[in-house]
């Protein structure tokens, strides 16, 4: 049987959980054919922001979007579900690390970093 304090924590976490712009996309592969003498060679790739990305490659954008190019095409997703706790502010740095800080003093941790799952 669950203890009452665990139910309160679970209820509070669910009540404070907010989704930010989490999303996912899947784009089909692109291909181009080049003639080598009389022999055509077709290469498949993912097209991302005007760049040709090799199948098997993956990367994270400056907007913290994770993309990968597979035989199924280009897939990109954004983490976006973070707990929002009153009195705290969510900070995301250039490496996409997420930290909850005190909203009145961003130099102080909010004390809830273990609740961040993104």
PDB file of N, CA and C in Angstrom:
ATOM      1  N   UNK A   1       0.838  -1.175   0.000  1.00  0.00           N
ATOM      2  CA  UNK A   1       0.000   0.000   0.000  1.00  0.00           C
ATOM      3  C   UNK A   1       0.891   1.249   0.000  1.00  0.00           C
ATOM      4  N   UNK A   2       0.550   2.233  -0.818  1.00  0.00           N
ATOM      5  CA  UNK A   2       1.360   3.447  -0.939  1.00  0.00           C
ATOM      6  C   UNK A   2       1.203   4.314   0.295  1.00  0.00           C
ATOM      7  N   UNK A   3       2.294   4.897   0.706  1.00  0.00           N
ATOM      8  CA  UNK A   3       2.256   5.802   1.845  1.00  0.00           C
ATOM      9  C   UNK A   3       1.678   7.142   1.409  1.00  0.00           C
ATOM     10  N   UNK A   4       0.984   7.839   2.306  1.00  0.00           N
ATOM     11  CA  UNK A   4       0.342   9.112   1.948  1.00  0.00           C
ATOM     12  C   UNK A   4       1.317  10.163   1.425  1.00  0.00           C
ATOM     13  N   UNK A   5       2.563  10.230   1.978  1.00  0.00           N
ATOM     14  CA  UNK A   5       3.501  11.256   1.522  1.00  0.00           C
ATOM     15  C   UNK A   5       3.910  11.029   0.066  1.00  0.00           C
ATOM     16  N   UNK A   6       3.989   9.742  -0.363  1.00  0.00           N
ATOM     17  CA  UNK A   6       4.323   9.460  -1.749  1.00  0.00           C
ATOM     18  C   UNK A   6       3.190   9.887  -2.678  1.00  0.00           C
ATOM     19  N   UNK A   7       1.961   9.714  -2.232  1.00  0.00           N
ATOM     20  CA  UNK A   7       0.817  10.146  -3.041  1.00  0.00           C
ATOM     21  C   UNK A   7       0.793  11.657  -3.183  1.00  0.00           C
ATOM     22  N   UNK A   8       1.149  12.368  -2.114  1.00  0.00           N
ATOM     23  CA  UNK A   8       1.199  13.830  -2.171  1.00  0.00           C
ATOM     24  C   UNK A   8       2.288  14.279  -3.143  1.00  0.00           C
ATOM     25  N   UNK A   9       3.469  13.664  -3.073  1.00  0.00           N
ATOM     26  CA  UNK A   9       4.565  14.021  -3.983  1.00  0.00           C
ATOM     27  C   UNK A   9       4.180  13.729  -5.419  1.00  0.00           C
ATOM     28  N   UNK A  10       3.586  12.562  -5.671  1.00  0.00           N
ATOM     29  CA  UNK A  10       3.156  12.203  -7.020  1.00  0.00           C
ATOM     30  C   UNK A  10       2.100  13.170  -7.539  1.00  0.00           C
ATOM     31  N   UNK A  11       1.137  13.502  -6.715  1.00  0.00           N
ATOM     32  CA  UNK A  11       0.083  14.442  -7.118  1.00  0.00           C
ATOM     33  C   UNK A  11       0.672  15.813  -7.414  1.00  0.00           C
ATOM     34  N   UNK A  12       1.575  16.281  -6.559  1.00  0.00           N
ATOM     35  CA  UNK A  12       2.208  17.587  -6.760  1.00  0.00           C
ATOM     36  C   UNK A  12       3.031  17.599  -8.041  1.00  0.00           C
ATOM     37  N   UNK A  13       3.795  16.526  -8.287  1.00  0.00           N
ATOM     38  CA  UNK A  13       4.603  16.445  -9.512  1.00  0.00           C
ATOM     39  C   UNK A  13       3.710  16.488 -10.745  1.00  0.00           C
ATOM     40  N   UNK A  14       2.643  15.731 -10.741  1.00  0.00           N
ATOM     41  CA  UNK A  14       1.727  15.719 -11.895  1.00  0.00           C
ATOM     42  C   UNK A  14       1.070  17.077 -12.091  1.00  0.00           C
ATOM     43  N   UNK A  15       0.720  17.736 -11.009  1.00  0.00           N
ATOM     44  CA  UNK A  15       0.068  19.040 -11.114  1.00  0.00           C
ATOM     45  C   UNK A  15       1.006  20.108 -11.654  1.00  0.00           C
ATOM     46  N   UNK A  16       2.304  19.993 -11.345  1.00  0.00           N
ATOM     47  CA  UNK A  16       3.269  21.009 -11.762  1.00  0.00           C
ATOM     48  C   UNK A  16       3.922  20.710 -13.102  1.00  0.00           C
ATOM     49  N   UNK A  17       3.709  19.521 -13.644  1.00  0.00           N
ATOM     50  CA  UNK A  17       4.348  19.116 -14.896  1.00  0.00           C
ATOM     51  C   UNK A  17       3.706  19.862 -16.058  1.00  0.00           C
ATOM     52  N   UNK A  18       4.511  20.493 -16.874  1.00  0.00           N
ATOM     53  CA  UNK A  18       4.005  21.213 -18.050  1.00  0.00           C
ATOM     54  C   UNK A  18       4.804  20.772 -19.254  1.00  0.00           C
ATOM     55  N   UNK A  19       4.138  20.674 -20.372  1.00  0.00           N
ATOM     56  CA  UNK A  19       4.845  20.363 -21.619  1.00  0.00           C
ATOM     57  C   UNK A  19       5.227  21.658 -22.309  1.00  0.00           C
ATOM     58  N   UNK A  20       6.480  21.756 -22.708  1.00  0.00           N
ATOM     59  CA  UNK A  20       6.875  22.842 -23.583  1.00  0.00           C
ATOM     60  C   UNK A  20       6.866  22.258 -24.987  1.00  0.00           C
ATOM     61  N   UNK A  21       7.409  22.911 -25.948  1.00  0.00           N
ATOM     62  CA  UNK A  21       7.269  22.522 -27.339  1.00  0.00           C
ATOM     63  C   UNK A  21       8.007  21.240 -27.708  1.00  0.00           C
ATOM     64  N   UNK A  22       7.581  20.113 -27.163  1.00  0.00           N
ATOM     65  CA  UNK A  22       8.165  18.826 -27.554  1.00  0.00           C
ATOM     66  C   UNK A  22       7.543  18.409 -28.881  1.00  0.00           C
ATOM     67  N   UNK A  23       8.352  17.872 -29.776  1.00  0.00           N
ATOM     68  CA  UNK A  23       7.839  17.454 -31.079  1.00  0.00           C
ATOM     69  C   UNK A  23       8.800  16.478 -31.717  1.00  0.00           C
ATOM     70  N   UNK A  24       8.330  15.810 -32.742  1.00  0.00           N
ATOM     71  CA  UNK A  24       9.181  14.875 -33.499  1.00  0.00           C
ATOM     72  C   UNK A  24       8.769  14.930 -34.963  1.00  0.00           C
ATOM     73  N   UNK A  25       9.737  14.729 -35.854  1.00  0.00           N
ATOM     74  CA  UNK A  25       9.448  14.712 -37.293  1.00  0.00           C
ATOM     75  C   UNK A  25      10.155  13.531 -37.931  1.00  0.00           C
ATOM     76  N   UNK A  26       9.646  13.114 -39.064  1.00  0.00           N
ATOM     77  CA  UNK A  26      10.291  12.071 -39.861  1.00  0.00           C
ATOM     78  C   UNK A  26      10.160  12.475 -41.321  1.00  0.00           C
ATOM     79  N   UNK A  27      11.287  12.654 -41.980  1.00  0.00           N
ATOM     80  CA  UNK A  27      11.319  13.022 -43.393  1.00  0.00           C
ATOM     81  C   UNK A  27      11.898  11.860 -44.195  1.00  0.00           C
ATOM     82  N   UNK A  28      11.378  11.608 -45.393  1.00  0.00           N
ATOM     83  CA  UNK A  28      11.928  10.512 -46.209  1.00  0.00           C
ATOM     84  C   UNK A  28      13.334  10.839 -46.714  1.00  0.00           C
ATOM     85  N   UNK A  29      14.050   9.799 -47.105  1.00  0.00           N
ATOM     86  CA  UNK A  29      15.382   9.978 -47.682  1.00  0.00           C
ATOM     87  C   UNK A  29      15.298  10.698 -49.013  1.00  0.00           C
ATOM     88  N   UNK A  30      16.333  11.443 -49.331  1.00  0.00           N
ATOM     89  CA  UNK A  30      16.492  12.041 -50.658  1.00  0.00           C
ATOM     90  C   UNK A  30      17.523  11.205 -51.403  1.00  0.00           C
ATOM     91  N   UNK A  31      17.569  11.352 -52.689  1.00  0.00           N
ATOM     92  CA  UNK A  31      18.582  10.618 -53.454  1.00  0.00           C
ATOM     93  C   UNK A  31      18.985  11.431 -54.670  1.00  0.00           C
ATOM     94  N   UNK A  32      20.186  11.145 -55.143  1.00  0.00           N
ATOM     95  CA  UNK A  32      20.656  11.760 -56.377  1.00  0.00           C
ATOM     96  C   UNK A  32      21.453  10.713 -57.151  1.00  0.00           C
ATOM     97  N   UNK A  33      21.347  10.796 -58.449  1.00  0.00           N
ATOM     98  CA  UNK A  33      22.047   9.854 -59.312  1.00  0.00           C
ATOM     99  C   UNK A  33      23.103  10.598 -60.103  1.00  0.00           C
ATOM    100  N   UNK A  34      24.315  10.053 -60.078  1.00  0.00           N
ATOM    101  CA  UNK A  34      25.434  10.625 -60.822  1.00  0.00           C
ATOM    102  C   UNK A  34      25.899   9.574 -61.825  1.00  0.00           C
ATOM    103  N   UNK A  35      26.188  10.022 -63.020  1.00  0.00           N
ATOM    104  CA  UNK A  35      26.683   9.096 -64.041  1.00  0.00           C
ATOM    105  C   UNK A  35      28.206   9.025 -63.970  1.00  0.00           C
ATOM    106  N   UNK A  36      28.723   7.824 -63.868  1.00  0.00           N
ATOM    107  CA  UNK A  36      30.153   7.568 -63.953  1.00  0.00           C
ATOM    108  C   UNK A  36      30.376   6.814 -65.254  1.00  0.00           C
ATOM    109  N   UNK A  37      30.715   7.566 -66.295  1.00  0.00           N
ATOM    110  CA  UNK A  37      30.780   6.981 -67.638  1.00  0.00           C
ATOM    111  C   UNK A  37      29.370   6.616 -68.062  1.00  0.00           C
ATOM    112  N   UNK A  38      29.139   5.347 -68.293  1.00  0.00           N
ATOM    113  CA  UNK A  38      27.791   4.895 -68.667  1.00  0.00           C
ATOM    114  C   UNK A  38      27.058   4.259 -67.488  1.00  0.00           C
ATOM    115  N   UNK A  39      27.690   4.274 -66.312  1.00  0.00           N
ATOM    116  CA  UNK A  39      27.114   3.612 -65.142  1.00  0.00           C
ATOM    117  C   UNK A  39      26.508   4.641 -64.183  1.00  0.00           C
ATOM    118  N   UNK A  40      25.179   4.547 -63.916  1.00  0.00           N
ATOM    119  CA  UNK A  40      24.567   5.463 -62.952  1.00  0.00           C
ATOM    120  C   UNK A  40      24.802   4.969 -61.517  1.00  0.00           C
ATOM    121  N   UNK A  41      25.139   5.890 -60.622  1.00  0.00           N
ATOM    122  CA  UNK A  41      25.310   5.568 -59.206  1.00  0.00           C
ATOM    123  C   UNK A  41      24.349   6.456 -58.417  1.00  0.00           C
ATOM    124  N   UNK A  42      23.468   5.801 -57.671  1.00  0.00           N
ATOM    125  CA  UNK A  42      22.484   6.535 -56.874  1.00  0.00           C
ATOM    126  C   UNK A  42      22.904   6.513 -55.410  1.00  0.00           C
ATOM    127  N   UNK A  43      22.905   7.681 -54.795  1.00  0.00           N
ATOM    128  CA  UNK A  43      23.272   7.832 -53.387  1.00  0.00           C
ATOM    129  C   UNK A  43      22.068   8.375 -52.638  1.00  0.00           C
ATOM    130  N   UNK A  44      21.732   7.725 -51.515  1.00  0.00           N
ATOM    131  CA  UNK A  44      20.650   8.212 -50.667  1.00  0.00           C
ATOM    132  C   UNK A  44      21.239   8.980 -49.496  1.00  0.00           C
ATOM    133  N   UNK A  45      20.513   9.976 -49.035  1.00  0.00           N
ATOM    134  CA  UNK A  45      20.963  10.822 -47.934  1.00  0.00           C
ATOM    135  C   UNK A  45      19.766  11.517 -47.309  1.00  0.00           C
ATOM    136  N   UNK A  46      19.988  12.126 -46.172  1.00  0.00           N
ATOM    137  CA  UNK A  46      18.973  12.963 -45.530  1.00  0.00           C
ATOM    138  C   UNK A  46      19.316  14.409 -45.819  1.00  0.00           C
ATOM    139  N   UNK A  47      18.308  15.193 -46.096  1.00  0.00           N
ATOM    140  CA  UNK A  47      18.537  16.621 -46.311  1.00  0.00           C
ATOM    141  C   UNK A  47      18.061  17.374 -45.085  1.00  0.00           C
ATOM    142  N   UNK A  48      18.976  18.149 -44.511  1.00  0.00           N
ATOM    143  CA  UNK A  48      18.678  18.923 -43.312  1.00  0.00           C
ATOM    144  C   UNK A  48      19.215  20.334 -43.500  1.00  0.00           C
ATOM    145  N   UNK A  49      18.323  21.302 -43.519  1.00  0.00           N
ATOM    146  CA  UNK A  49      18.670  22.720 -43.672  1.00  0.00           C
ATOM    147  C   UNK A  49      19.634  22.949 -44.831  1.00  0.00           C
ATOM    148  N   UNK A  50      19.366  22.271 -45.959  1.00  0.00           N
ATOM    149  CA  UNK A  50      20.179  22.448 -47.154  1.00  0.00           C
ATOM    150  C   UNK A  50      21.462  21.635 -47.191  1.00  0.00           C
ATOM    151  N   UNK A  51      21.716  20.831 -46.147  1.00  0.00           N
ATOM    152  CA  UNK A  51      22.918  20.007 -46.084  1.00  0.00           C
ATOM    153  C   UNK A  51      22.565  18.550 -46.362  1.00  0.00           C
ATOM    154  N   UNK A  52      23.477  17.839 -46.992  1.00  0.00           N
ATOM    155  CA  UNK A  52      23.306  16.414 -47.239  1.00  0.00           C
ATOM    156  C   UNK A  52      23.978  15.660 -46.102  1.00  0.00           C
ATOM    157  N   UNK A  53      23.195  14.895 -45.363  1.00  0.00           N
ATOM    158  CA  UNK A  53      23.695  14.156 -44.206  1.00  0.00           C
ATOM    159  C   UNK A  53      23.720  12.669 -44.537  1.00  0.00           C
ATOM    160  N   UNK A  54      24.821  12.006 -44.206  1.00  0.00           N
ATOM    161  CA  UNK A  54      24.990  10.589 -44.509  1.00  0.00           C
ATOM    162  C   UNK A  54      24.088   9.725 -43.626  1.00  0.00           C
ATOM    163  N   UNK A  55      23.631   8.607 -44.184  1.00  0.00           N
ATOM    164  CA  UNK A  55      22.886   7.640 -43.397  1.00  0.00           C
ATOM    165  C   UNK A  55      23.816   7.120 -42.299  1.00  0.00           C
ATOM    166  N   UNK A  56      23.313   7.087 -41.077  1.00  0.00           N
ATOM    167  CA  UNK A  56      24.115   6.666 -39.927  1.00  0.00           C
ATOM    168  C   UNK A  56      24.611   7.828 -39.093  1.00  0.00           C
ATOM    169  N   UNK A  57      24.438   9.058 -39.573  1.00  0.00           N
ATOM    170  CA  UNK A  57      24.911  10.211 -38.806  1.00  0.00           C
ATOM    171  C   UNK A  57      23.816  10.713 -37.865  1.00  0.00           C
ATOM    172  N   UNK A  58      24.252  11.353 -36.785  1.00  0.00           N
ATOM    173  CA  UNK A  58      23.314  11.982 -35.855  1.00  0.00           C
ATOM    174  C   UNK A  58      23.972  13.237 -35.295  1.00  0.00           C
ATOM    175  N   UNK A  59      23.149  14.174 -34.838  1.00  0.00           N
ATOM    176  CA  UNK A  59      23.662  15.450 -34.349  1.00  0.00           C
ATOM    177  C   UNK A  59      22.627  16.131 -33.496  1.00  0.00           C
ATOM    178  N   UNK A  60      23.082  17.139 -32.753  1.00  0.00           N
ATOM    179  CA  UNK A  60      22.209  17.976 -31.936  1.00  0.00           C
ATOM    180  C   UNK A  60      22.381  19.403 -32.413  1.00  0.00           C
ATOM    181  N   UNK A  61      21.271  20.092 -32.651  1.00  0.00           N
ATOM    182  CA  UNK A  61      21.310  21.453 -33.171  1.00  0.00           C
ATOM    183  C   UNK A  61      21.533  22.461 -32.045  1.00  0.00           C
ATOM    184  N   UNK A  62      21.755  23.708 -32.409  1.00  0.00           N
ATOM    185  CA  UNK A  62      21.918  24.762 -31.406  1.00  0.00           C
ATOM    186  C   UNK A  62      20.623  25.020 -30.651  1.00  0.00           C
ATOM    187  N   UNK A  63      19.493  24.566 -31.189  1.00  0.00           N
ATOM    188  CA  UNK A  63      18.204  24.696 -30.510  1.00  0.00           C
ATOM    189  C   UNK A  63      17.891  23.468 -29.660  1.00  0.00           C
ATOM    190  N   UNK A  64      18.894  22.596 -29.455  1.00  0.00           N
ATOM    191  CA  UNK A  64      18.765  21.380 -28.652  1.00  0.00           C
ATOM    192  C   UNK A  64      17.792  20.375 -29.269  1.00  0.00           C
ATOM    193  N   UNK A  65      17.724  20.352 -30.582  1.00  0.00           N
ATOM    194  CA  UNK A  65      16.943  19.352 -31.306  1.00  0.00           C
ATOM    195  C   UNK A  65      17.905  18.236 -31.699  1.00  0.00           C
ATOM    196  N   UNK A  66      17.541  16.996 -31.418  1.00  0.00           N
ATOM    197  CA  UNK A  66      18.363  15.844 -31.748  1.00  0.00           C
ATOM    198  C   UNK A  66      17.863  15.242 -33.054  1.00  0.00           C
ATOM    199  N   UNK A  67      18.774  15.067 -34.020  1.00  0.00           N
ATOM    200  CA  UNK A  67      18.421  14.518 -35.325  1.00  0.00           C
ATOM    201  C   UNK A  67      19.290  13.312 -35.640  1.00  0.00           C
ATOM    202  N   UNK A  68      18.748  12.402 -36.415  1.00  0.00           N
ATOM    203  CA  UNK A  68      19.527  11.278 -36.910  1.00  0.00           C
ATOM    204  C   UNK A  68      19.032  10.894 -38.296  1.00  0.00           C
ATOM    205  N   UNK A  69      19.959  10.418 -39.113  1.00  0.00           N
ATOM    206  CA  UNK A  69      19.657   9.988 -40.476  1.00  0.00           C
ATOM    207  C   UNK A  69      19.815   8.470 -40.520  1.00  0.00           C
ATOM    208  N   UNK A  70      18.734   7.775 -40.816  1.00  0.00           N
ATOM    209  CA  UNK A  70      18.749   6.312 -40.886  1.00  0.00           C
ATOM    210  C   UNK A  70      18.209   5.865 -42.240  1.00  0.00           C
ATOM    211  N   UNK A  71      18.161   4.562 -42.455  1.00  0.00           N
ATOM    212  CA  UNK A  71      17.586   4.017 -43.694  1.00  0.00           C
ATOM    213  C   UNK A  71      16.116   4.372 -43.826  1.00  0.00           C
ATOM    214  N   UNK A  72      15.480   4.754 -42.724  1.00  0.00           N
ATOM    215  CA  UNK A  72      14.073   5.149 -42.740  1.00  0.00           C
ATOM    216  C   UNK A  72      13.881   6.634 -43.040  1.00  0.00           C
ATOM    217  N   UNK A  73      14.952   7.408 -43.020  1.00  0.00           N
ATOM    218  CA  UNK A  73      14.865   8.841 -43.291  1.00  0.00           C
ATOM    219  C   UNK A  73      15.408   9.668 -42.147  1.00  0.00           C
ATOM    220  N   UNK A  74      15.123  10.958 -42.205  1.00  0.00           N
ATOM    221  CA  UNK A  74      15.583  11.916 -41.203  1.00  0.00           C
ATOM    222  C   UNK A  74      14.560  11.995 -40.079  1.00  0.00           C
ATOM    223  N   UNK A  75      15.007  11.774 -38.862  1.00  0.00           N
ATOM    224  CA  UNK A  75      14.113  11.949 -37.715  1.00  0.00           C
ATOM    225  C   UNK A  75      14.748  12.956 -36.773  1.00  0.00           C
ATOM    226  N   UNK A  76      13.938  13.878 -36.319  1.00  0.00           N
ATOM    227  CA  UNK A  76      14.378  14.891 -35.369  1.00  0.00           C
ATOM    228  C   UNK A  76      13.334  14.977 -34.262  1.00  0.00           C
ATOM    229  N   UNK A  77      13.814  15.201 -33.044  1.00  0.00           N
ATOM    230  CA  UNK A  77      12.888  15.380 -31.938  1.00  0.00           C
ATOM    231  C   UNK A  77      13.455  16.386 -30.955  1.00  0.00           C
ATOM    232  N   UNK A  78      12.546  16.965 -30.234  1.00  0.00           N
ATOM    233  CA  UNK A  78      12.911  17.934 -29.210  1.00  0.00           C
ATOM    234  C   UNK A  78      12.356  17.461 -27.882  1.00  0.00           C
ATOM    235  N   UNK A  79      13.223  17.385 -26.867  1.00  0.00           N
ATOM    236  CA  UNK A  79      12.704  17.145 -25.523  1.00  0.00           C
ATOM    237  C   UNK A  79      11.964  18.401 -25.126  1.00  0.00           C
ATOM    238  N   UNK A  80      10.901  18.243 -24.415  1.00  0.00           N
ATOM    239  CA  UNK A  80      10.185  19.451 -24.065  1.00  0.00           C
ATOM    240  C   UNK A  80       9.312  19.308 -22.856  1.00  0.00           C
ATOM    241  N   UNK A  81       9.384  18.215 -22.160  1.00  0.00           N
ATOM    242  CA  UNK A  81       8.563  18.045 -20.965  1.00  0.00           C
ATOM    243  C   UNK A  81       9.457  18.207 -19.746  1.00  0.00           C
ATOM    244  N   UNK A  82       9.264  19.284 -19.034  1.00  0.00           N
ATOM    245  CA  UNK A  82      10.061  19.558 -17.846  1.00  0.00           C
ATOM    246  C   UNK A  82       9.131  19.962 -16.712  1.00  0.00           C
ATOM    247  N   UNK A  83       9.469  19.592 -15.494  1.00  0.00           N
ATOM    248  CA  UNK A  83       8.633  20.016 -14.371  1.00  0.00           C
ATOM    249  C   UNK A  83       8.825  21.507 -14.129  1.00  0.00           C
ATOM    250  N   UNK A  84       7.748  22.213 -13.950  1.00  0.00           N
ATOM    251  CA  UNK A  84       7.822  23.635 -13.636  1.00  0.00           C
ATOM    252  C   UNK A  84       7.380  23.813 -12.189  1.00  0.00           C
ATOM    253  N   UNK A  85       8.293  24.253 -11.366  1.00  0.00           N
ATOM    254  CA  UNK A  85       8.054  24.370  -9.939  1.00  0.00           C
ATOM    255  C   UNK A  85       7.951  25.851  -9.587  1.00  0.00           C
ATOM    256  N   UNK A  86       6.916  26.244  -8.864  1.00  0.00           N
ATOM    257  CA  UNK A  86       6.777  27.660  -8.488  1.00  0.00           C
ATOM    258  C   UNK A  86       8.033  28.173  -7.794  1.00  0.00           C
ATOM    259  N   UNK A  87       8.477  29.351  -8.192  1.00  0.00           N
ATOM    260  CA  UNK A  87       9.675  29.955  -7.616  1.00  0.00           C
ATOM    261  C   UNK A  87      10.956  29.518  -8.298  1.00  0.00           C
ATOM    262  N   UNK A  88      10.839  28.670  -9.326  1.00  0.00           N
ATOM    263  CA  UNK A  88      12.012  28.184 -10.043  1.00  0.00           C
ATOM    264  C   UNK A  88      11.941  28.617 -11.509  1.00  0.00           C
ATOM    265  N   UNK A  89      13.092  28.672 -12.133  1.00  0.00           N
ATOM    266  CA  UNK A  89      13.200  29.042 -13.542  1.00  0.00           C
ATOM    267  C   UNK A  89      14.045  27.976 -14.236  1.00  0.00           C
ATOM    268  N   UNK A  90      13.661  27.601 -15.453  1.00  0.00           N
ATOM    269  CA  UNK A  90      14.374  26.591 -16.222  1.00  0.00           C
ATOM    270  C   UNK A  90      15.416  27.263 -17.103  1.00  0.00           C
ATOM    271  N   UNK A  91      16.683  26.842 -16.980  1.00  0.00           N
ATOM    272  CA  UNK A  91      17.760  27.365 -17.815  1.00  0.00           C
ATOM    273  C   UNK A  91      18.312  26.238 -18.674  1.00  0.00           C
ATOM    274  N   UNK A  92      18.588  26.529 -19.945  1.00  0.00           N
ATOM    275  CA  UNK A  92      19.199  25.566 -20.857  1.00  0.00           C
ATOM    276  C   UNK A  92      20.460  26.221 -21.403  1.00  0.00           C
ATOM    277  N   UNK A  93      21.619  25.563 -21.212  1.00  0.00           N
ATOM    278  CA  UNK A  93      22.867  26.170 -21.672  1.00  0.00           C
ATOM    279  C   UNK A  93      23.212  25.721 -23.095  1.00  0.00           C
ATOM    280  N   UNK A  94      24.393  26.131 -23.578  1.00  0.00           N
ATOM    281  CA  UNK A  94      24.792  25.862 -24.965  1.00  0.00           C
ATOM    282  C   UNK A  94      25.040  24.382 -25.240  1.00  0.00           C
ATOM    283  N   UNK A  95      25.192  23.573 -24.183  1.00  0.00           N
ATOM    284  CA  UNK A  95      25.355  22.127 -24.367  1.00  0.00           C
ATOM    285  C   UNK A  95      24.030  21.397 -24.196  1.00  0.00           C
ATOM    286  N   UNK A  96      22.947  22.141 -24.050  1.00  0.00           N
ATOM    287  CA  UNK A  96      21.583  21.628 -23.865  1.00  0.00           C
ATOM    288  C   UNK A  96      21.372  21.028 -22.484  1.00  0.00           C
ATOM    289  N   UNK A  97      22.274  21.299 -21.551  1.00  0.00           N
ATOM    290  CA  UNK A  97      22.066  20.868 -20.174  1.00  0.00           C
ATOM    291  C   UNK A  97      20.984  21.747 -19.555  1.00  0.00           C
ATOM    292  N   UNK A  98      20.119  21.133 -18.782  1.00  0.00           N
ATOM    293  CA  UNK A  98      18.981  21.831 -18.188  1.00  0.00           C
ATOM    294  C   UNK A  98      19.203  21.954 -16.685  1.00  0.00           C
ATOM    295  N   UNK A  99      18.848  23.111 -16.154  1.00  0.00           N
ATOM    296  CA  UNK A  99      19.015  23.341 -14.721  1.00  0.00           C
ATOM    297  C   UNK A  99      17.853  24.176 -14.212  1.00  0.00           C
ATOM    298  N   UNK A 100      17.340  23.811 -13.048  1.00  0.00           N
ATOM    299  CA  UNK A 100      16.328  24.618 -12.382  1.00  0.00           C
ATOM    300  C   UNK A 100      17.028  25.537 -11.392  1.00  0.00           C
ATOM    301  N   UNK A 101      16.770  26.835 -11.512  1.00  0.00           N
ATOM    302  CA  UNK A 101      17.376  27.812 -10.607  1.00  0.00           C
ATOM    303  C   UNK A 101      16.275  28.612  -9.928  1.00  0.00           C
ATOM    304  N   UNK A 102      16.653  29.258  -8.854  1.00  0.00           N
ATOM    305  CA  UNK A 102      15.735  30.128  -8.126  1.00  0.00           C
ATOM    306  C   UNK A 102      15.370  31.306  -9.028  1.00  0.00           C
ATOM    307  N   UNK A 103      14.079  31.563  -9.200  1.00  0.00           N
ATOM    308  CA  UNK A 103      13.675  32.633 -10.120  1.00  0.00           C
ATOM    309  C   UNK A 103      14.064  34.024  -9.620  1.00  0.00           C
ATOM    310  N   UNK A 104      14.257  34.189  -8.324  1.00  0.00           N
ATOM    311  CA  UNK A 104      14.675  35.497  -7.828  1.00  0.00           C
ATOM    312  C   UNK A 104      16.193  35.644  -7.794  1.00  0.00           C
ATOM    313  N   UNK A 105      16.928  34.523  -7.850  1.00  0.00           N
ATOM    314  CA  UNK A 105      18.386  34.549  -7.871  1.00  0.00           C
ATOM    315  C   UNK A 105      18.885  33.404  -8.761  1.00  0.00           C
ATOM    316  N   UNK A 106      19.097  33.673 -10.072  1.00  0.00           N
ATOM    317  CA  UNK A 106      19.470  32.604 -11.002  1.00  0.00           C
ATOM    318  C   UNK A 106      20.827  31.969 -10.728  1.00  0.00           C
ATOM    319  N   UNK A 107      21.595  32.488  -9.755  1.00  0.00           N
ATOM    320  CA  UNK A 107      22.869  31.882  -9.386  1.00  0.00           C
ATOM    321  C   UNK A 107      22.682  30.771  -8.355  1.00  0.00           C
ATOM    322  N   UNK A 108      21.479  30.657  -7.825  1.00  0.00           N
ATOM    323  CA  UNK A 108      21.184  29.640  -6.805  1.00  0.00           C
ATOM    324  C   UNK A 108      20.330  28.524  -7.398  1.00  0.00           C
ATOM    325  N   UNK A 109      20.717  27.273  -7.112  1.00  0.00           N
ATOM    326  CA  UNK A 109      19.906  26.141  -7.538  1.00  0.00           C
ATOM    327  C   UNK A 109      18.568  26.163  -6.824  1.00  0.00           C
ATOM    328  N   UNK A 110      17.596  25.592  -7.484  1.00  0.00           N
ATOM    329  CA  UNK A 110      16.260  25.518  -6.904  1.00  0.00           C
ATOM    330  C   UNK A 110      16.139  24.307  -5.975  1.00  0.00           C
ATOM    331  N   UNK A 111      17.055  23.354  -6.129  1.00  0.00           N
ATOM    332  CA  UNK A 111      17.024  22.182  -5.268  1.00  0.00           C
ATOM    333  C   UNK A 111      16.198  21.041  -5.811  1.00  0.00           C
ATOM    334  N   UNK A 112      15.754  21.131  -7.068  1.00  0.00           N
ATOM    335  CA  UNK A 112      14.926  20.089  -7.664  1.00  0.00           C
ATOM    336  C   UNK A 112      15.532  19.517  -8.935  1.00  0.00           C
ATOM    337  N   UNK A 113      16.853  19.622  -9.122  1.00  0.00           N
ATOM    338  CA  UNK A 113      17.472  19.170 -10.359  1.00  0.00           C
ATOM    339  C   UNK A 113      17.239  17.707 -10.650  1.00  0.00           C
ATOM    340  N   UNK A 114      17.075  16.873  -9.628  1.00  0.00           N
ATOM    341  CA  UNK A 114      16.851  15.457  -9.873  1.00  0.00           C
ATOM    342  C   UNK A 114      15.498  15.194 -10.531  1.00  0.00           C
ATOM    343  N   UNK A 115      14.598  16.170 -10.508  1.00  0.00           N
ATOM    344  CA  UNK A 115      13.278  16.000 -11.122  1.00  0.00           C
ATOM    345  C   UNK A 115      13.310  16.254 -12.626  1.00  0.00           C
ATOM    346  N   UNK A 116      14.414  16.803 -13.131  1.00  0.00           N
ATOM    347  CA  UNK A 116      14.492  17.118 -14.549  1.00  0.00           C
ATOM    348  C   UNK A 116      14.865  15.853 -15.318  1.00  0.00           C
ATOM    349  N   UNK A 117      14.064  15.515 -16.329  1.00  0.00           N
ATOM    350  CA  UNK A 117      14.315  14.289 -17.064  1.00  0.00           C
ATOM    351  C   UNK A 117      14.767  14.535 -18.476  1.00  0.00           C
ATOM    352  N   UNK A 118      14.824  15.765 -18.935  1.00  0.00           N
ATOM    353  CA  UNK A 118      15.179  16.041 -20.323  1.00  0.00           C
ATOM    354  C   UNK A 118      16.613  16.147 -20.471  1.00  0.00           C
TER     355      UNK A 118
END
